[in-house]
Amino acid sequence: MDTAEPLPLRERKKALTRQSILTAADRLFERRGYDNVTVAEIADAANVSVKTLFVYFHSKEDLAFPDDWLIESILTALRERDPQTSPASTVVDVIISALDEADNNLGIEGYHRAYGESQALRAGLMRVWADYEDQVTAQLASEHGGDASPGDRLLAIQLIGIARLATAPETRAALAGLSWAASARKLTQLLKEAANILP
């Protein structure tokens, strides 16, 4: 039985407004490409003012990278993993689990923002990966109770590299034309091969 208290009306309205903005941005980005959509157009499509949009999101770029579900899932899995399970296998399991839960109609493209080849998005994604590496480095350091070492940093880079591989252009090219089931199997194979060469 769910005994969680419902959110107050004000909080529910804020959540709905945030989701409305994200939905409008997602729809416009996919239809016209990230670079060809303005913040004003997104606000208009979401029926809010530009000022209101900036209450919820600091920049247009934030609308393309709004969720931290991947890094949160990775950090939780690393914290809770069996000591006999390698960090690399743990990260692969997180990605495969996310694939299993994805809408079959999305396939691997569910992990790639198909908003066009925008330099702004590429730069933003690099910042996201760098932030993820920082967080994984801190998690690895906490496991041995000391300051982060160069080894922790290197392993974090490698672990986030596995996540990046899932949506890399080369991976998408390798999966092009495959059915969702076939692409999921192929991606699983690629990720496990990557994990096998890491600690």
N, C-alpha and C. Protein backbone atom coordinates (compact mmCIF):
# COMPACT_ATOMS: atom_id res chain seq x y z
N MET A 1 0.84 -1.19 0.00
CA MET A 1 0.00 0.00 0.00
C MET A 1 0.88 1.25 0.00
N ASP A 2 0.60 2.17 -0.89
CA ASP A 2 1.39 3.39 -1.00
C ASP A 2 0.89 4.43 0.00
N THR A 3 1.77 4.75 0.96
CA THR A 3 1.38 5.72 1.98
C THR A 3 2.05 7.07 1.77
N ALA A 4 2.71 7.24 0.60
CA ALA A 4 3.41 8.51 0.33
C ALA A 4 2.41 9.66 0.26
N GLU A 5 2.80 10.76 0.85
CA GLU A 5 1.95 11.96 0.83
C GLU A 5 1.95 12.55 -0.57
N PRO A 6 0.77 12.91 -1.10
CA PRO A 6 0.74 13.57 -2.42
C PRO A 6 1.43 14.92 -2.34
N LEU A 7 2.00 15.32 -3.47
CA LEU A 7 2.66 16.63 -3.50
C LEU A 7 1.62 17.73 -3.32
N PRO A 8 2.01 18.82 -2.64
CA PRO A 8 1.10 19.97 -2.55
C PRO A 8 0.77 20.48 -3.94
N LEU A 9 -0.36 21.16 -4.07
CA LEU A 9 -0.82 21.66 -5.36
C LEU A 9 0.24 22.51 -6.05
N ARG A 10 0.90 23.38 -5.31
CA ARG A 10 1.92 24.26 -5.90
C ARG A 10 3.05 23.44 -6.53
N GLU A 11 3.48 22.38 -5.82
CA GLU A 11 4.56 21.55 -6.33
C GLU A 11 4.11 20.75 -7.56
N ARG A 12 2.86 20.29 -7.55
CA ARG A 12 2.33 19.56 -8.70
C ARG A 12 2.28 20.47 -9.93
N LYS A 13 1.86 21.73 -9.72
CA LYS A 13 1.80 22.67 -10.84
C LYS A 13 3.20 22.95 -11.40
N LYS A 14 4.18 23.08 -10.51
CA LYS A 14 5.55 23.32 -10.95
C LYS A 14 6.08 22.14 -11.77
N ALA A 15 5.78 20.92 -11.29
CA ALA A 15 6.23 19.72 -12.00
C ALA A 15 5.57 19.64 -13.37
N LEU A 16 4.29 19.97 -13.44
CA LEU A 16 3.57 19.94 -14.72
C LEU A 16 4.12 20.98 -15.69
N THR A 17 4.43 22.17 -15.17
CA THR A 17 4.98 23.22 -16.02
C THR A 17 6.34 22.81 -16.56
N ARG A 18 7.17 22.26 -15.70
CA ARG A 18 8.50 21.80 -16.13
C ARG A 18 8.38 20.74 -17.22
N GLN A 19 7.48 19.78 -17.01
CA GLN A 19 7.31 18.72 -17.99
C GLN A 19 6.74 19.26 -19.30
N SER A 20 5.85 20.24 -19.22
CA SER A 20 5.29 20.84 -20.42
C SER A 20 6.38 21.52 -21.25
N ILE A 21 7.30 22.19 -20.58
CA ILE A 21 8.40 22.86 -21.28
C ILE A 21 9.30 21.82 -21.95
N LEU A 22 9.63 20.75 -21.20
CA LEU A 22 10.48 19.70 -21.76
C LEU A 22 9.84 19.03 -22.96
N THR A 23 8.54 18.75 -22.85
CA THR A 23 7.83 18.10 -23.95
C THR A 23 7.83 18.97 -25.20
N ALA A 24 7.58 20.27 -25.00
CA ALA A 24 7.58 21.20 -26.14
C ALA A 24 8.96 21.28 -26.77
N ALA A 25 10.00 21.37 -25.94
CA ALA A 25 11.37 21.45 -26.46
C ALA A 25 11.73 20.18 -27.22
N ASP A 26 11.40 19.04 -26.65
CA ASP A 26 11.73 17.76 -27.27
C ASP A 26 11.06 17.65 -28.65
N ARG A 27 9.81 18.02 -28.71
CA ARG A 27 9.06 17.94 -29.97
C ARG A 27 9.66 18.87 -31.03
N LEU A 28 9.98 20.09 -30.64
CA LEU A 28 10.54 21.06 -31.60
C LEU A 28 11.95 20.67 -32.03
N PHE A 29 12.77 20.22 -31.08
CA PHE A 29 14.13 19.82 -31.43
C PHE A 29 14.12 18.67 -32.43
N GLU A 30 13.26 17.68 -32.18
CA GLU A 30 13.22 16.53 -33.08
C GLU A 30 12.68 16.90 -34.45
N ARG A 31 11.75 17.82 -34.49
CA ARG A 31 11.13 18.21 -35.76
C ARG A 31 12.05 19.09 -36.59
N ARG A 32 12.76 20.03 -35.94
CA ARG A 32 13.49 21.05 -36.70
C ARG A 32 14.98 21.09 -36.45
N GLY A 33 15.45 20.36 -35.47
CA GLY A 33 16.86 20.41 -35.13
C GLY A 33 17.12 21.44 -34.04
N TYR A 34 18.03 21.13 -33.15
CA TYR A 34 18.31 21.98 -31.98
C TYR A 34 18.63 23.41 -32.38
N ASP A 35 19.50 23.59 -33.36
CA ASP A 35 19.97 24.93 -33.73
C ASP A 35 18.89 25.80 -34.35
N ASN A 36 17.83 25.17 -34.84
CA ASN A 36 16.79 25.92 -35.55
C ASN A 36 15.58 26.27 -34.69
N VAL A 37 15.71 26.08 -33.39
CA VAL A 37 14.61 26.37 -32.47
C VAL A 37 15.07 27.42 -31.47
N THR A 38 14.25 28.42 -31.22
CA THR A 38 14.59 29.45 -30.24
C THR A 38 13.90 29.17 -28.90
N VAL A 39 14.43 29.76 -27.86
CA VAL A 39 13.83 29.63 -26.54
C VAL A 39 12.42 30.22 -26.54
N ALA A 40 12.23 31.31 -27.27
CA ALA A 40 10.90 31.93 -27.34
C ALA A 40 9.89 30.99 -27.97
N GLU A 41 10.30 30.24 -28.99
CA GLU A 41 9.40 29.29 -29.62
C GLU A 41 9.04 28.14 -28.67
N ILE A 42 10.00 27.71 -27.89
CA ILE A 42 9.74 26.65 -26.92
C ILE A 42 8.75 27.14 -25.86
N ALA A 43 8.99 28.35 -25.36
CA ALA A 43 8.09 28.92 -24.36
C ALA A 43 6.68 29.05 -24.91
N ASP A 44 6.58 29.52 -26.14
CA ASP A 44 5.26 29.68 -26.76
C ASP A 44 4.55 28.33 -26.90
N ALA A 45 5.29 27.31 -27.32
CA ALA A 45 4.70 25.98 -27.50
C ALA A 45 4.26 25.38 -26.17
N ALA A 46 4.93 25.78 -25.10
CA ALA A 46 4.59 25.27 -23.76
C ALA A 46 3.58 26.16 -23.05
N ASN A 47 3.16 27.24 -23.70
CA ASN A 47 2.21 28.19 -23.12
C ASN A 47 2.72 28.84 -21.84
N VAL A 48 4.01 29.20 -21.87
CA VAL A 48 4.60 29.95 -20.74
C VAL A 48 5.40 31.10 -21.32
N SER A 49 5.76 32.03 -20.47
CA SER A 49 6.62 33.13 -20.91
C SER A 49 8.08 32.67 -20.92
N VAL A 50 8.91 33.42 -21.66
CA VAL A 50 10.34 33.11 -21.65
C VAL A 50 10.89 33.25 -20.24
N LYS A 51 10.43 34.25 -19.51
CA LYS A 51 10.87 34.45 -18.13
C LYS A 51 10.55 33.22 -17.28
N THR A 52 9.36 32.67 -17.45
CA THR A 52 8.98 31.48 -16.69
C THR A 52 9.86 30.29 -17.08
N LEU A 53 10.13 30.15 -18.38
CA LEU A 53 10.99 29.05 -18.83
C LEU A 53 12.34 29.10 -18.12
N PHE A 54 12.90 30.31 -17.99
CA PHE A 54 14.21 30.44 -17.36
C PHE A 54 14.17 30.26 -15.84
N VAL A 55 12.99 30.23 -15.26
CA VAL A 55 12.88 29.86 -13.85
C VAL A 55 13.19 28.38 -13.67
N TYR A 56 12.81 27.59 -14.68
CA TYR A 56 12.97 26.14 -14.61
C TYR A 56 14.27 25.64 -15.23
N PHE A 57 14.77 26.36 -16.22
CA PHE A 57 15.97 25.93 -16.93
C PHE A 57 16.87 27.13 -17.15
N HIS A 58 18.15 26.94 -16.89
CA HIS A 58 19.09 28.06 -16.98
C HIS A 58 19.44 28.44 -18.42
N SER A 59 19.32 27.47 -19.33
CA SER A 59 19.70 27.74 -20.71
C SER A 59 18.96 26.80 -21.64
N LYS A 60 19.02 27.10 -22.91
CA LYS A 60 18.44 26.22 -23.92
C LYS A 60 19.11 24.85 -23.87
N GLU A 61 20.41 24.83 -23.64
CA GLU A 61 21.15 23.58 -23.56
C GLU A 61 20.60 22.66 -22.47
N ASP A 62 20.18 23.25 -21.34
CA ASP A 62 19.63 22.45 -20.25
C ASP A 62 18.39 21.67 -20.68
N LEU A 63 17.69 22.17 -21.68
CA LEU A 63 16.50 21.49 -22.17
C LEU A 63 16.84 20.21 -22.94
N ALA A 64 18.05 20.14 -23.46
CA ALA A 64 18.47 18.95 -24.18
C ALA A 64 19.06 17.89 -23.26
N PHE A 65 19.54 18.32 -22.07
CA PHE A 65 20.14 17.40 -21.11
C PHE A 65 19.51 17.59 -19.73
N PRO A 66 18.21 17.30 -19.60
CA PRO A 66 17.53 17.65 -18.36
C PRO A 66 17.63 16.62 -17.24
N ASP A 67 17.99 15.39 -17.57
CA ASP A 67 17.87 14.31 -16.58
C ASP A 67 19.21 13.75 -16.17
N ASP A 68 19.29 13.36 -14.90
CA ASP A 68 20.50 12.74 -14.36
C ASP A 68 20.29 11.26 -14.08
N TRP A 69 19.27 10.66 -14.72
CA TRP A 69 18.94 9.28 -14.38
C TRP A 69 20.12 8.34 -14.62
N LEU A 70 20.90 8.57 -15.69
CA LEU A 70 21.98 7.65 -16.02
C LEU A 70 23.06 7.68 -14.95
N ILE A 71 23.55 8.86 -14.59
CA ILE A 71 24.62 8.91 -13.60
C ILE A 71 24.12 8.47 -12.23
N GLU A 72 22.88 8.80 -11.90
CA GLU A 72 22.34 8.36 -10.62
C GLU A 72 22.25 6.84 -10.57
N SER A 73 21.84 6.23 -11.67
CA SER A 73 21.75 4.77 -11.73
C SER A 73 23.13 4.14 -11.63
N ILE A 74 24.12 4.73 -12.31
CA ILE A 74 25.48 4.20 -12.25
C ILE A 74 26.05 4.30 -10.84
N LEU A 75 25.90 5.47 -10.21
CA LEU A 75 26.45 5.66 -8.87
C LEU A 75 25.79 4.72 -7.86
N THR A 76 24.48 4.57 -7.96
CA THR A 76 23.77 3.66 -7.05
C THR A 76 24.25 2.23 -7.24
N ALA A 77 24.39 1.81 -8.50
CA ALA A 77 24.83 0.45 -8.78
C ALA A 77 26.25 0.22 -8.30
N LEU A 78 27.13 1.20 -8.46
CA LEU A 78 28.50 1.06 -7.97
C LEU A 78 28.53 0.93 -6.45
N ARG A 79 27.72 1.74 -5.77
CA ARG A 79 27.69 1.69 -4.31
C ARG A 79 27.17 0.35 -3.80
N GLU A 80 26.19 -0.19 -4.51
CA GLU A 80 25.50 -1.38 -4.01
C GLU A 80 26.00 -2.69 -4.61
N ARG A 81 27.00 -2.64 -5.47
CA ARG A 81 27.44 -3.86 -6.14
C ARG A 81 28.11 -4.83 -5.19
N ASP A 82 28.05 -6.09 -5.55
CA ASP A 82 28.76 -7.14 -4.82
C ASP A 82 30.27 -6.89 -4.99
N PRO A 83 31.04 -7.09 -3.93
CA PRO A 83 32.50 -6.84 -4.04
C PRO A 83 33.17 -7.66 -5.14
N GLN A 84 32.56 -8.78 -5.50
CA GLN A 84 33.14 -9.62 -6.54
C GLN A 84 32.79 -9.16 -7.96
N THR A 85 31.90 -8.19 -8.06
CA THR A 85 31.48 -7.69 -9.37
C THR A 85 32.33 -6.48 -9.75
N SER A 86 32.87 -6.51 -10.93
CA SER A 86 33.75 -5.41 -11.35
C SER A 86 32.94 -4.15 -11.63
N PRO A 87 33.56 -2.98 -11.46
CA PRO A 87 32.88 -1.73 -11.80
C PRO A 87 32.41 -1.70 -13.26
N ALA A 88 33.24 -2.24 -14.17
CA ALA A 88 32.88 -2.22 -15.59
C ALA A 88 31.63 -3.06 -15.84
N SER A 89 31.55 -4.24 -15.26
CA SER A 89 30.36 -5.08 -15.44
C SER A 89 29.14 -4.40 -14.85
N THR A 90 29.34 -3.69 -13.75
CA THR A 90 28.23 -2.98 -13.11
C THR A 90 27.67 -1.91 -14.03
N VAL A 91 28.53 -1.14 -14.67
CA VAL A 91 28.08 -0.09 -15.58
C VAL A 91 27.36 -0.69 -16.78
N VAL A 92 27.89 -1.77 -17.32
CA VAL A 92 27.24 -2.44 -18.45
C VAL A 92 25.85 -2.93 -18.04
N ASP A 93 25.73 -3.49 -16.85
CA ASP A 93 24.42 -3.97 -16.38
C ASP A 93 23.41 -2.83 -16.29
N VAL A 94 23.86 -1.64 -15.86
CA VAL A 94 22.96 -0.47 -15.78
C VAL A 94 22.44 -0.11 -17.16
N ILE A 95 23.33 -0.08 -18.14
CA ILE A 95 22.93 0.31 -19.50
C ILE A 95 22.01 -0.75 -20.11
N ILE A 96 22.34 -2.02 -19.93
CA ILE A 96 21.50 -3.09 -20.47
C ILE A 96 20.13 -3.07 -19.82
N SER A 97 20.09 -2.82 -18.51
CA SER A 97 18.81 -2.74 -17.81
C SER A 97 17.96 -1.60 -18.37
N ALA A 98 18.60 -0.47 -18.64
CA ALA A 98 17.88 0.66 -19.22
C ALA A 98 17.35 0.31 -20.60
N LEU A 99 18.14 -0.43 -21.37
CA LEU A 99 17.69 -0.87 -22.68
C LEU A 99 16.47 -1.77 -22.57
N ASP A 100 16.50 -2.68 -21.59
CA ASP A 100 15.39 -3.61 -21.41
C ASP A 100 14.09 -2.89 -21.07
N GLU A 101 14.22 -1.73 -20.40
CA GLU A 101 13.03 -0.98 -19.99
C GLU A 101 12.57 0.01 -21.05
N ALA A 102 13.37 0.18 -22.11
CA ALA A 102 13.06 1.19 -23.12
C ALA A 102 11.89 0.74 -23.99
N ASP A 103 11.22 1.72 -24.55
CA ASP A 103 10.17 1.47 -25.53
C ASP A 103 10.80 0.78 -26.74
N ASN A 104 10.27 -0.37 -27.12
CA ASN A 104 10.84 -1.11 -28.24
C ASN A 104 10.87 -0.32 -29.53
N ASN A 105 10.03 0.69 -29.65
CA ASN A 105 10.01 1.48 -30.87
C ASN A 105 11.19 2.46 -30.94
N LEU A 106 11.86 2.66 -29.81
CA LEU A 106 12.95 3.62 -29.80
C LEU A 106 14.29 2.98 -30.15
N GLY A 107 14.51 1.78 -29.66
CA GLY A 107 15.80 1.14 -29.89
C GLY A 107 16.93 2.01 -29.35
N ILE A 108 18.08 1.91 -29.98
CA ILE A 108 19.23 2.65 -29.50
C ILE A 108 19.04 4.14 -29.63
N GLU A 109 18.18 4.57 -30.54
CA GLU A 109 17.97 6.01 -30.69
C GLU A 109 17.33 6.62 -29.46
N GLY A 110 16.78 5.79 -28.59
CA GLY A 110 16.25 6.30 -27.33
C GLY A 110 17.34 6.89 -26.45
N TYR A 111 18.60 6.57 -26.76
CA TYR A 111 19.72 7.08 -25.99
C TYR A 111 20.51 8.13 -26.76
N HIS A 112 19.95 8.58 -27.86
CA HIS A 112 20.64 9.59 -28.66
C HIS A 112 19.66 10.68 -29.04
N ARG A 113 19.97 11.89 -28.68
CA ARG A 113 19.11 13.02 -29.04
C ARG A 113 19.23 13.31 -30.53
N ALA A 114 18.20 12.93 -31.27
CA ALA A 114 18.25 13.09 -32.74
C ALA A 114 17.83 14.50 -33.12
N TYR A 115 18.61 15.47 -32.66
CA TYR A 115 18.26 16.87 -32.89
C TYR A 115 19.15 17.53 -33.93
N GLY A 116 19.88 16.75 -34.69
CA GLY A 116 20.78 17.32 -35.67
C GLY A 116 22.20 17.38 -35.13
N GLU A 117 23.12 17.64 -36.02
CA GLU A 117 24.53 17.67 -35.65
C GLU A 117 24.91 19.07 -35.16
N SER A 118 24.48 19.40 -33.96
CA SER A 118 24.72 20.72 -33.41
C SER A 118 26.03 20.75 -32.63
N GLN A 119 26.87 21.74 -32.95
CA GLN A 119 28.11 21.90 -32.19
C GLN A 119 27.83 22.27 -30.74
N ALA A 120 26.77 23.04 -30.52
CA ALA A 120 26.41 23.41 -29.14
C ALA A 120 26.04 22.18 -28.34
N LEU A 121 25.28 21.26 -28.95
CA LEU A 121 24.91 20.05 -28.25
C LEU A 121 26.11 19.15 -28.00
N ARG A 122 26.99 19.06 -28.98
CA ARG A 122 28.20 18.24 -28.80
C ARG A 122 29.03 18.78 -27.64
N ALA A 123 29.16 20.10 -27.56
CA ALA A 123 29.92 20.70 -26.47
C ALA A 123 29.22 20.45 -25.13
N GLY A 124 27.90 20.57 -25.14
CA GLY A 124 27.15 20.32 -23.92
C GLY A 124 27.27 18.90 -23.45
N LEU A 125 27.24 17.96 -24.39
CA LEU A 125 27.36 16.55 -24.04
C LEU A 125 28.74 16.26 -23.46
N MET A 126 29.77 16.90 -24.00
CA MET A 126 31.12 16.70 -23.44
C MET A 126 31.19 17.18 -22.00
N ARG A 127 30.50 18.28 -21.69
CA ARG A 127 30.47 18.76 -20.30
C ARG A 127 29.72 17.78 -19.40
N VAL A 128 28.65 17.19 -19.93
CA VAL A 128 27.90 16.19 -19.16
C VAL A 128 28.80 15.00 -18.84
N TRP A 129 29.51 14.49 -19.85
CA TRP A 129 30.39 13.34 -19.61
C TRP A 129 31.48 13.69 -18.60
N ALA A 130 32.05 14.88 -18.70
CA ALA A 130 33.10 15.29 -17.76
C ALA A 130 32.55 15.34 -16.33
N ASP A 131 31.34 15.85 -16.17
CA ASP A 131 30.71 15.88 -14.85
C ASP A 131 30.49 14.46 -14.34
N TYR A 132 30.04 13.56 -15.21
CA TYR A 132 29.84 12.17 -14.81
C TYR A 132 31.16 11.54 -14.34
N GLU A 133 32.24 11.84 -15.07
CA GLU A 133 33.55 11.31 -14.68
C GLU A 133 33.96 11.80 -13.30
N ASP A 134 33.69 13.08 -13.02
CA ASP A 134 33.99 13.62 -11.70
C ASP A 134 33.23 12.87 -10.60
N GLN A 135 31.95 12.61 -10.85
CA GLN A 135 31.12 11.95 -9.84
C GLN A 135 31.55 10.50 -9.63
N VAL A 136 31.89 9.80 -10.71
CA VAL A 136 32.33 8.41 -10.58
C VAL A 136 33.70 8.36 -9.89
N THR A 137 34.57 9.31 -10.21
CA THR A 137 35.88 9.36 -9.53
C THR A 137 35.68 9.51 -8.03
N ALA A 138 34.79 10.39 -7.62
CA ALA A 138 34.51 10.58 -6.19
C ALA A 138 33.94 9.32 -5.56
N GLN A 139 33.07 8.62 -6.27
CA GLN A 139 32.50 7.38 -5.76
C GLN A 139 33.58 6.32 -5.57
N LEU A 140 34.46 6.17 -6.55
CA LEU A 140 35.53 5.19 -6.44
C LEU A 140 36.47 5.52 -5.29
N ALA A 141 36.75 6.80 -5.11
CA ALA A 141 37.62 7.21 -3.99
C ALA A 141 36.96 6.88 -2.66
N SER A 142 35.66 7.07 -2.57
CA SER A 142 34.96 6.79 -1.31
C SER A 142 35.03 5.32 -0.94
N GLU A 143 35.21 4.46 -1.93
CA GLU A 143 35.25 3.02 -1.66
C GLU A 143 36.53 2.61 -0.94
N HIS A 144 37.61 3.37 -1.15
CA HIS A 144 38.84 3.03 -0.40
C HIS A 144 39.14 4.06 0.69
N GLY A 145 38.24 5.01 0.86
CA GLY A 145 38.33 5.90 2.01
C GLY A 145 39.43 6.93 1.98
N GLY A 146 39.98 7.21 0.85
CA GLY A 146 41.03 8.22 0.77
C GLY A 146 40.73 9.25 -0.29
N ASP A 147 41.74 10.06 -0.59
CA ASP A 147 41.58 11.03 -1.68
C ASP A 147 41.56 10.30 -3.01
N ALA A 148 40.94 10.91 -3.98
CA ALA A 148 40.91 10.32 -5.32
C ALA A 148 42.32 10.23 -5.87
N SER A 149 42.61 9.11 -6.49
CA SER A 149 43.93 8.88 -7.05
C SER A 149 43.89 8.97 -8.58
N PRO A 150 45.05 9.06 -9.22
CA PRO A 150 45.05 9.00 -10.68
C PRO A 150 44.40 7.72 -11.19
N GLY A 151 44.56 6.62 -10.45
CA GLY A 151 43.92 5.37 -10.85
C GLY A 151 42.41 5.45 -10.81
N ASP A 152 41.87 6.14 -9.78
CA ASP A 152 40.42 6.34 -9.70
C ASP A 152 39.93 7.13 -10.91
N ARG A 153 40.67 8.18 -11.25
CA ARG A 153 40.28 9.02 -12.39
C ARG A 153 40.31 8.22 -13.68
N LEU A 154 41.37 7.44 -13.88
CA LEU A 154 41.48 6.67 -15.11
C LEU A 154 40.34 5.66 -15.22
N LEU A 155 40.03 4.98 -14.12
CA LEU A 155 38.94 4.00 -14.16
C LEU A 155 37.60 4.70 -14.42
N ALA A 156 37.40 5.87 -13.81
CA ALA A 156 36.15 6.62 -14.05
C ALA A 156 36.01 6.99 -15.51
N ILE A 157 37.11 7.44 -16.12
CA ILE A 157 37.09 7.78 -17.55
C ILE A 157 36.71 6.55 -18.37
N GLN A 158 37.28 5.41 -18.02
CA GLN A 158 36.98 4.18 -18.75
C GLN A 158 35.52 3.76 -18.57
N LEU A 159 35.00 3.89 -17.35
CA LEU A 159 33.62 3.49 -17.08
C LEU A 159 32.63 4.38 -17.83
N ILE A 160 32.88 5.68 -17.81
CA ILE A 160 32.00 6.58 -18.55
C ILE A 160 32.19 6.37 -20.05
N GLY A 161 33.38 5.93 -20.44
CA GLY A 161 33.62 5.58 -21.84
C GLY A 161 32.69 4.46 -22.30
N ILE A 162 32.39 3.52 -21.41
CA ILE A 162 31.44 2.45 -21.76
C ILE A 162 30.06 3.05 -22.03
N ALA A 163 29.63 3.98 -21.17
CA ALA A 163 28.34 4.63 -21.38
C ALA A 163 28.34 5.42 -22.69
N ARG A 164 29.44 6.09 -22.97
CA ARG A 164 29.53 6.87 -24.20
C ARG A 164 29.49 5.97 -25.43
N LEU A 165 30.07 4.78 -25.31
CA LEU A 165 30.08 3.84 -26.42
C LEU A 165 28.67 3.49 -26.86
N ALA A 166 27.73 3.45 -25.90
CA ALA A 166 26.35 3.06 -26.22
C ALA A 166 25.70 3.99 -27.22
N THR A 167 26.13 5.25 -27.26
CA THR A 167 25.51 6.22 -28.18
C THR A 167 26.51 6.84 -29.15
N ALA A 168 27.71 6.26 -29.25
CA ALA A 168 28.73 6.79 -30.15
C ALA A 168 28.28 6.65 -31.61
N PRO A 169 28.72 7.56 -32.48
CA PRO A 169 28.34 7.47 -33.90
C PRO A 169 28.70 6.12 -34.51
N GLU A 170 29.85 5.57 -34.11
CA GLU A 170 30.27 4.29 -34.66
C GLU A 170 29.33 3.16 -34.24
N THR A 171 28.86 3.24 -33.00
CA THR A 171 27.92 2.23 -32.51
C THR A 171 26.59 2.35 -33.24
N ARG A 172 26.11 3.59 -33.38
CA ARG A 172 24.84 3.77 -34.09
C ARG A 172 24.94 3.28 -35.53
N ALA A 173 26.12 3.49 -36.15
CA ALA A 173 26.32 3.01 -37.53
C ALA A 173 26.31 1.48 -37.56
N ALA A 174 26.91 0.86 -36.56
CA ALA A 174 26.95 -0.60 -36.51
C ALA A 174 25.57 -1.20 -36.30
N LEU A 175 24.67 -0.45 -35.68
CA LEU A 175 23.33 -0.96 -35.39
C LEU A 175 22.30 -0.51 -36.42
N ALA A 176 22.71 0.34 -37.35
CA ALA A 176 21.77 0.88 -38.33
C ALA A 176 21.12 -0.24 -39.13
N GLY A 177 19.80 -0.14 -39.27
CA GLY A 177 19.05 -1.10 -40.07
C GLY A 177 18.63 -2.35 -39.32
N LEU A 178 19.12 -2.53 -38.10
CA LEU A 178 18.74 -3.70 -37.32
C LEU A 178 17.40 -3.46 -36.62
N SER A 179 16.69 -4.53 -36.36
CA SER A 179 15.47 -4.42 -35.57
C SER A 179 15.85 -4.04 -34.15
N TRP A 180 14.84 -3.62 -33.35
CA TRP A 180 15.14 -3.25 -31.97
C TRP A 180 15.77 -4.41 -31.24
N ALA A 181 15.22 -5.61 -31.38
CA ALA A 181 15.75 -6.77 -30.66
C ALA A 181 17.18 -7.07 -31.09
N ALA A 182 17.42 -7.00 -32.40
CA ALA A 182 18.77 -7.28 -32.90
C ALA A 182 19.75 -6.21 -32.47
N SER A 183 19.33 -4.95 -32.47
CA SER A 183 20.23 -3.87 -32.06
C SER A 183 20.54 -3.98 -30.58
N ALA A 184 19.56 -4.38 -29.77
CA ALA A 184 19.79 -4.55 -28.34
C ALA A 184 20.79 -5.67 -28.09
N ARG A 185 20.66 -6.78 -28.84
CA ARG A 185 21.61 -7.89 -28.68
C ARG A 185 23.02 -7.47 -29.09
N LYS A 186 23.11 -6.77 -30.21
CA LYS A 186 24.42 -6.33 -30.70
C LYS A 186 25.06 -5.34 -29.74
N LEU A 187 24.25 -4.40 -29.22
CA LEU A 187 24.79 -3.43 -28.28
C LEU A 187 25.24 -4.11 -27.00
N THR A 188 24.46 -5.06 -26.52
CA THR A 188 24.85 -5.81 -25.33
C THR A 188 26.20 -6.49 -25.53
N GLN A 189 26.37 -7.10 -26.71
CA GLN A 189 27.64 -7.76 -27.03
C GLN A 189 28.79 -6.75 -27.03
N LEU A 190 28.59 -5.60 -27.67
CA LEU A 190 29.64 -4.58 -27.74
C LEU A 190 30.03 -4.09 -26.34
N LEU A 191 29.03 -3.86 -25.50
CA LEU A 191 29.30 -3.35 -24.16
C LEU A 191 30.02 -4.38 -23.31
N LYS A 192 29.60 -5.63 -23.41
CA LYS A 192 30.27 -6.68 -22.62
C LYS A 192 31.71 -6.89 -23.07
N GLU A 193 31.94 -6.76 -24.36
CA GLU A 193 33.32 -6.85 -24.86
C GLU A 193 34.17 -5.72 -24.29
N ALA A 194 33.58 -4.53 -24.22
CA ALA A 194 34.30 -3.38 -23.66
C ALA A 194 34.59 -3.62 -22.18
N ALA A 195 33.60 -4.15 -21.45
CA ALA A 195 33.78 -4.40 -20.01
C ALA A 195 34.87 -5.43 -19.75
N ASN A 196 34.99 -6.39 -20.64
CA ASN A 196 35.96 -7.48 -20.43
C ASN A 196 37.40 -7.02 -20.50
N ILE A 197 37.64 -5.87 -21.11
CA ILE A 197 39.02 -5.40 -21.20
C ILE A 197 39.35 -4.39 -20.10
N LEU A 198 38.36 -4.11 -19.24
CA LEU A 198 38.58 -3.17 -18.13
C LEU A 198 38.62 -3.92 -16.81
N PRO A 199 39.19 -3.27 -15.76
CA PRO A 199 39.23 -3.92 -14.45
C PRO A 199 37.84 -4.12 -13.87
